[in-house]
Amino acid sequence: MTAERPDPGDHRVVPLRRRPPQAGNDNHRGQPAPAAIGDLTPFERAADHYDDYRHRMVVNGAAFAFCLFLVIAGVWLVTTMAQMRKDQDCVLSGRRGCTPVEVPVRSRW
């Protein structure tokens, strides 16, 4: 049983058959694609509607300041936790003098 292979010198074009439409696939040639969204008229603004850009900029500035605060607080929290972990590892390894103790210098006079 040997499979017949085409001759390498034979340069014929094989005609392709179209696939039958599959169930559930509504986007075939000749048929328009269904609309992704419905009518947007409920979301349109009236022509005389006024946007308060100053208020929007104030709110954007407040949101930016809040996000900046969150980032700074997160960085502070991470560095504090890293320092605590470092100190705890030092103490648990049995070493002494892991954390510096600041003693105020008193003058004798």
N, C-alpha and C. Protein backbone atom coordinates (compact mmCIF):
# COMPACT_ATOMS: atom_id res chain seq x y z
N MET A 1 0.83 -1.16 0.00
CA MET A 1 0.00 0.00 0.00
C MET A 1 0.88 1.23 0.00
N THR A 2 1.02 1.81 -1.11
CA THR A 2 1.82 3.02 -1.19
C THR A 2 0.91 4.17 -1.56
N ALA A 3 1.19 5.31 -0.97
CA ALA A 3 0.40 6.50 -1.28
C ALA A 3 0.96 7.11 -2.55
N GLU A 4 0.05 7.49 -3.42
CA GLU A 4 0.51 8.11 -4.66
C GLU A 4 0.84 9.57 -4.40
N ARG A 5 2.04 9.95 -4.76
CA ARG A 5 2.46 11.33 -4.59
C ARG A 5 2.42 12.01 -5.95
N PRO A 6 2.04 13.30 -5.94
CA PRO A 6 2.02 13.99 -7.23
C PRO A 6 3.43 14.19 -7.76
N ASP A 7 3.50 14.23 -9.05
CA ASP A 7 4.78 14.44 -9.72
C ASP A 7 5.27 15.85 -9.40
N PRO A 8 6.55 16.05 -8.94
CA PRO A 8 7.03 17.39 -8.63
C PRO A 8 7.02 18.32 -9.83
N GLY A 9 6.99 17.79 -11.00
CA GLY A 9 6.95 18.62 -12.19
C GLY A 9 5.53 19.01 -12.58
N ASP A 10 4.53 18.45 -11.93
CA ASP A 10 3.13 18.72 -12.24
C ASP A 10 2.69 19.97 -11.47
N HIS A 11 2.43 21.07 -12.15
CA HIS A 11 2.07 22.35 -11.53
C HIS A 11 0.61 22.67 -11.83
N ARG A 12 -0.29 21.95 -11.24
CA ARG A 12 -1.70 22.21 -11.43
C ARG A 12 -2.24 22.96 -10.23
N VAL A 13 -3.24 23.78 -10.47
CA VAL A 13 -3.92 24.48 -9.40
C VAL A 13 -5.14 23.66 -9.01
N VAL A 14 -5.24 23.40 -7.71
CA VAL A 14 -6.34 22.60 -7.22
C VAL A 14 -7.49 23.53 -6.89
N PRO A 15 -8.69 23.34 -7.46
CA PRO A 15 -9.82 24.20 -7.12
C PRO A 15 -10.29 23.91 -5.69
N LEU A 16 -10.60 24.98 -4.96
CA LEU A 16 -11.06 24.85 -3.59
C LEU A 16 -12.57 24.91 -3.53
N ARG A 17 -13.15 24.14 -2.63
CA ARG A 17 -14.58 24.15 -2.45
C ARG A 17 -14.92 25.06 -1.27
N ARG A 18 -16.05 25.74 -1.36
CA ARG A 18 -16.51 26.57 -0.25
C ARG A 18 -17.06 25.69 0.86
N ARG A 19 -16.82 26.12 2.08
CA ARG A 19 -17.35 25.38 3.22
C ARG A 19 -18.83 25.70 3.39
N PRO A 20 -19.58 24.73 3.85
CA PRO A 20 -21.00 25.03 4.14
C PRO A 20 -21.07 25.89 5.41
N PRO A 21 -22.08 26.75 5.53
CA PRO A 21 -22.18 27.59 6.72
C PRO A 21 -22.35 26.75 7.97
N GLN A 22 -21.68 27.19 9.03
CA GLN A 22 -21.75 26.48 10.31
C GLN A 22 -22.87 27.06 11.15
N ALA A 23 -23.41 26.26 12.02
CA ALA A 23 -24.49 26.73 12.89
C ALA A 23 -23.93 27.73 13.89
N GLY A 24 -24.65 28.82 14.12
CA GLY A 24 -24.25 29.81 15.10
C GLY A 24 -23.36 30.90 14.54
N ASN A 25 -22.89 30.78 13.33
CA ASN A 25 -22.03 31.79 12.73
C ASN A 25 -22.89 32.62 11.77
N ASP A 26 -23.24 33.86 12.19
CA ASP A 26 -24.15 34.68 11.40
C ASP A 26 -23.43 35.63 10.46
N ASN A 27 -22.13 35.64 10.45
CA ASN A 27 -21.40 36.61 9.64
C ASN A 27 -20.84 35.91 8.40
N HIS A 28 -21.70 35.74 7.38
CA HIS A 28 -21.27 35.13 6.13
C HIS A 28 -21.21 36.20 5.06
N ARG A 29 -20.57 35.87 3.99
CA ARG A 29 -20.53 36.83 2.88
C ARG A 29 -21.93 37.04 2.33
N GLY A 30 -22.20 38.28 2.02
CA GLY A 30 -23.50 38.61 1.48
C GLY A 30 -24.50 39.02 2.55
N GLN A 31 -24.20 38.71 3.80
CA GLN A 31 -25.09 39.09 4.88
C GLN A 31 -24.41 40.18 5.72
N PRO A 32 -25.12 41.24 6.05
CA PRO A 32 -24.49 42.29 6.86
C PRO A 32 -24.22 41.80 8.28
N ALA A 33 -23.15 42.31 8.84
CA ALA A 33 -22.80 41.95 10.22
C ALA A 33 -23.80 42.59 11.17
N PRO A 34 -24.14 41.91 12.24
CA PRO A 34 -25.09 42.50 13.20
C PRO A 34 -24.46 43.71 13.89
N ALA A 35 -25.28 44.67 14.26
CA ALA A 35 -24.79 45.87 14.93
C ALA A 35 -24.25 45.49 16.30
N ALA A 36 -23.09 46.05 16.64
CA ALA A 36 -22.47 45.74 17.93
C ALA A 36 -23.25 46.37 19.07
N ILE A 37 -23.77 47.56 18.85
CA ILE A 37 -24.52 48.26 19.88
C ILE A 37 -25.80 48.80 19.28
N GLY A 38 -26.72 49.11 20.14
CA GLY A 38 -28.00 49.62 19.68
C GLY A 38 -27.95 51.12 19.44
N ASP A 39 -29.07 51.75 19.54
CA ASP A 39 -29.19 53.18 19.30
C ASP A 39 -28.58 53.96 20.46
N LEU A 40 -27.81 55.00 20.16
CA LEU A 40 -27.12 55.78 21.19
C LEU A 40 -27.84 57.07 21.54
N THR A 41 -29.04 57.27 21.06
CA THR A 41 -29.75 58.52 21.34
C THR A 41 -30.00 58.76 22.82
N PRO A 42 -30.19 57.75 23.67
CA PRO A 42 -30.38 58.07 25.09
C PRO A 42 -29.14 58.69 25.73
N PHE A 43 -27.97 58.51 25.13
CA PHE A 43 -26.73 59.00 25.72
C PHE A 43 -26.27 60.32 25.11
N GLU A 44 -26.96 60.82 24.11
CA GLU A 44 -26.57 62.08 23.50
C GLU A 44 -26.96 63.26 24.38
N ARG A 45 -26.18 64.33 24.29
CA ARG A 45 -26.48 65.55 25.04
C ARG A 45 -27.21 66.53 24.14
N ALA A 46 -27.96 67.37 24.77
CA ALA A 46 -28.67 68.39 24.01
C ALA A 46 -27.66 69.41 23.50
N ALA A 47 -28.01 70.11 22.44
CA ALA A 47 -27.10 71.08 21.84
C ALA A 47 -26.85 72.26 22.77
N ASP A 48 -27.79 72.59 23.63
CA ASP A 48 -27.62 73.72 24.53
C ASP A 48 -27.01 73.32 25.87
N HIS A 49 -26.56 72.07 26.00
CA HIS A 49 -25.96 71.61 27.26
C HIS A 49 -24.58 72.22 27.42
N TYR A 50 -24.31 72.74 28.62
CA TYR A 50 -23.05 73.41 28.89
C TYR A 50 -22.16 72.50 29.73
N ASP A 51 -20.91 72.31 29.30
CA ASP A 51 -19.94 71.55 30.07
C ASP A 51 -19.18 72.50 30.98
N ASP A 52 -19.10 72.16 32.24
CA ASP A 52 -18.36 72.99 33.19
C ASP A 52 -16.93 72.46 33.24
N TYR A 53 -16.07 73.00 32.36
CA TYR A 53 -14.69 72.54 32.27
C TYR A 53 -13.91 72.86 33.53
N ARG A 54 -14.20 73.98 34.16
CA ARG A 54 -13.47 74.36 35.38
C ARG A 54 -13.72 73.33 36.48
N HIS A 55 -14.98 72.93 36.64
CA HIS A 55 -15.30 71.92 37.65
C HIS A 55 -14.63 70.59 37.31
N ARG A 56 -14.63 70.24 36.03
CA ARG A 56 -14.00 68.99 35.61
C ARG A 56 -12.50 69.00 35.90
N MET A 57 -11.83 70.13 35.67
CA MET A 57 -10.40 70.24 35.94
C MET A 57 -10.12 70.17 37.43
N VAL A 58 -10.99 70.77 38.25
CA VAL A 58 -10.81 70.70 39.71
C VAL A 58 -10.94 69.25 40.18
N VAL A 59 -11.93 68.56 39.67
CA VAL A 59 -12.13 67.15 40.05
C VAL A 59 -10.96 66.30 39.56
N ASN A 60 -10.46 66.55 38.35
CA ASN A 60 -9.30 65.82 37.84
C ASN A 60 -8.07 66.08 38.70
N GLY A 61 -7.89 67.33 39.13
CA GLY A 61 -6.76 67.66 40.01
C GLY A 61 -6.86 66.95 41.35
N ALA A 62 -8.07 66.92 41.90
CA ALA A 62 -8.27 66.22 43.17
C ALA A 62 -8.02 64.72 43.02
N ALA A 63 -8.46 64.14 41.93
CA ALA A 63 -8.23 62.72 41.69
C ALA A 63 -6.74 62.43 41.52
N PHE A 64 -6.04 63.32 40.82
CA PHE A 64 -4.60 63.16 40.65
C PHE A 64 -3.88 63.25 41.99
N ALA A 65 -4.26 64.22 42.83
CA ALA A 65 -3.64 64.37 44.15
C ALA A 65 -3.89 63.13 45.01
N PHE A 66 -5.09 62.58 44.95
CA PHE A 66 -5.41 61.38 45.71
C PHE A 66 -4.59 60.19 45.24
N CYS A 67 -4.46 60.04 43.92
CA CYS A 67 -3.65 58.94 43.38
C CYS A 67 -2.18 59.10 43.76
N LEU A 68 -1.69 60.34 43.72
CA LEU A 68 -0.31 60.61 44.12
C LEU A 68 -0.11 60.27 45.59
N PHE A 69 -1.07 60.62 46.44
CA PHE A 69 -1.01 60.27 47.85
C PHE A 69 -0.95 58.76 48.03
N LEU A 70 -1.78 58.02 47.28
CA LEU A 70 -1.77 56.56 47.39
C LEU A 70 -0.42 55.97 46.99
N VAL A 71 0.19 56.52 45.94
CA VAL A 71 1.49 56.02 45.50
C VAL A 71 2.55 56.29 46.56
N ILE A 72 2.57 57.50 47.10
CA ILE A 72 3.56 57.84 48.12
C ILE A 72 3.37 56.99 49.37
N ALA A 73 2.12 56.81 49.79
CA ALA A 73 1.84 55.97 50.96
C ALA A 73 2.26 54.52 50.71
N GLY A 74 2.05 54.03 49.51
CA GLY A 74 2.45 52.66 49.17
C GLY A 74 3.96 52.49 49.20
N VAL A 75 4.69 53.47 48.65
CA VAL A 75 6.15 53.39 48.67
C VAL A 75 6.67 53.44 50.10
N TRP A 76 6.09 54.34 50.92
CA TRP A 76 6.51 54.41 52.32
C TRP A 76 6.24 53.09 53.04
N LEU A 77 5.07 52.50 52.81
CA LEU A 77 4.71 51.25 53.45
C LEU A 77 5.66 50.12 53.05
N VAL A 78 6.00 50.05 51.78
CA VAL A 78 6.89 48.99 51.30
C VAL A 78 8.28 49.14 51.88
N THR A 79 8.81 50.37 51.93
CA THR A 79 10.15 50.56 52.49
C THR A 79 10.17 50.27 53.99
N THR A 80 9.11 50.64 54.70
CA THR A 80 9.03 50.34 56.13
C THR A 80 8.99 48.84 56.37
N MET A 81 8.20 48.13 55.58
CA MET A 81 8.13 46.68 55.73
C MET A 81 9.46 46.02 55.39
N ALA A 82 10.16 46.52 54.38
CA ALA A 82 11.46 45.95 54.02
C ALA A 82 12.47 46.17 55.15
N GLN A 83 12.47 47.34 55.76
CA GLN A 83 13.38 47.61 56.87
C GLN A 83 13.05 46.73 58.07
N MET A 84 11.77 46.57 58.37
CA MET A 84 11.37 45.70 59.48
C MET A 84 11.78 44.26 59.23
N ARG A 85 11.65 43.80 57.99
CA ARG A 85 12.04 42.44 57.65
C ARG A 85 13.55 42.26 57.81
N LYS A 86 14.30 43.26 57.36
CA LYS A 86 15.75 43.21 57.49
C LYS A 86 16.16 43.14 58.96
N ASP A 87 15.54 43.98 59.80
CA ASP A 87 15.85 43.98 61.23
C ASP A 87 15.45 42.66 61.88
N GLN A 88 14.31 42.13 61.50
CA GLN A 88 13.84 40.87 62.07
C GLN A 88 14.75 39.72 61.66
N ASP A 89 15.19 39.68 60.42
CA ASP A 89 16.12 38.64 59.97
C ASP A 89 17.43 38.72 60.74
N CYS A 90 17.89 39.94 61.01
CA CYS A 90 19.13 40.13 61.75
C CYS A 90 18.99 39.60 63.18
N VAL A 91 17.88 39.94 63.83
CA VAL A 91 17.67 39.51 65.21
C VAL A 91 17.50 37.99 65.27
N LEU A 92 16.74 37.42 64.36
CA LEU A 92 16.49 35.98 64.39
C LEU A 92 17.73 35.16 64.03
N SER A 93 18.72 35.77 63.39
CA SER A 93 19.95 35.04 63.10
C SER A 93 20.89 35.04 64.29
N GLY A 94 20.53 35.74 65.35
CA GLY A 94 21.30 35.70 66.58
C GLY A 94 22.33 36.80 66.72
N ARG A 95 22.34 37.76 65.85
CA ARG A 95 23.30 38.85 65.95
C ARG A 95 22.82 39.89 66.93
N ARG A 96 23.79 40.69 67.41
CA ARG A 96 23.47 41.77 68.32
C ARG A 96 23.71 43.10 67.61
N GLY A 97 23.04 44.09 68.09
CA GLY A 97 23.24 45.42 67.53
C GLY A 97 22.67 45.57 66.12
N CYS A 98 21.54 44.97 65.89
CA CYS A 98 20.95 45.01 64.55
C CYS A 98 20.34 46.36 64.23
N THR A 99 19.78 47.00 65.22
CA THR A 99 19.17 48.30 64.97
C THR A 99 19.97 49.37 65.69
N PRO A 100 20.22 50.47 65.04
CA PRO A 100 20.98 51.53 65.71
C PRO A 100 20.12 52.21 66.76
N VAL A 101 20.71 52.46 67.92
CA VAL A 101 20.02 53.14 69.00
C VAL A 101 20.63 54.53 69.12
N GLU A 102 19.81 55.52 68.92
CA GLU A 102 20.32 56.89 68.99
C GLU A 102 20.21 57.39 70.43
N VAL A 103 21.34 57.77 70.97
CA VAL A 103 21.39 58.29 72.33
C VAL A 103 21.77 59.76 72.24
N PRO A 104 21.00 60.61 72.89
CA PRO A 104 21.35 62.04 72.84
C PRO A 104 22.64 62.30 73.62
N VAL A 105 23.44 63.16 73.08
CA VAL A 105 24.70 63.50 73.72
C VAL A 105 24.45 64.61 74.73
N ARG A 106 24.87 64.37 76.01
CA ARG A 106 24.71 65.36 77.06
C ARG A 106 26.03 66.11 77.24
N SER A 107 25.88 67.33 77.42
CA SER A 107 27.10 68.09 77.71
C SER A 107 27.38 68.04 79.22
N ARG A 108 28.62 68.11 79.62
CA ARG A 108 28.99 68.00 81.04
C ARG A 108 28.83 69.33 81.76
N TRP A 109 28.75 70.37 81.11
CA TRP A 109 28.69 71.69 81.76
C TRP A 109 27.33 72.20 81.79
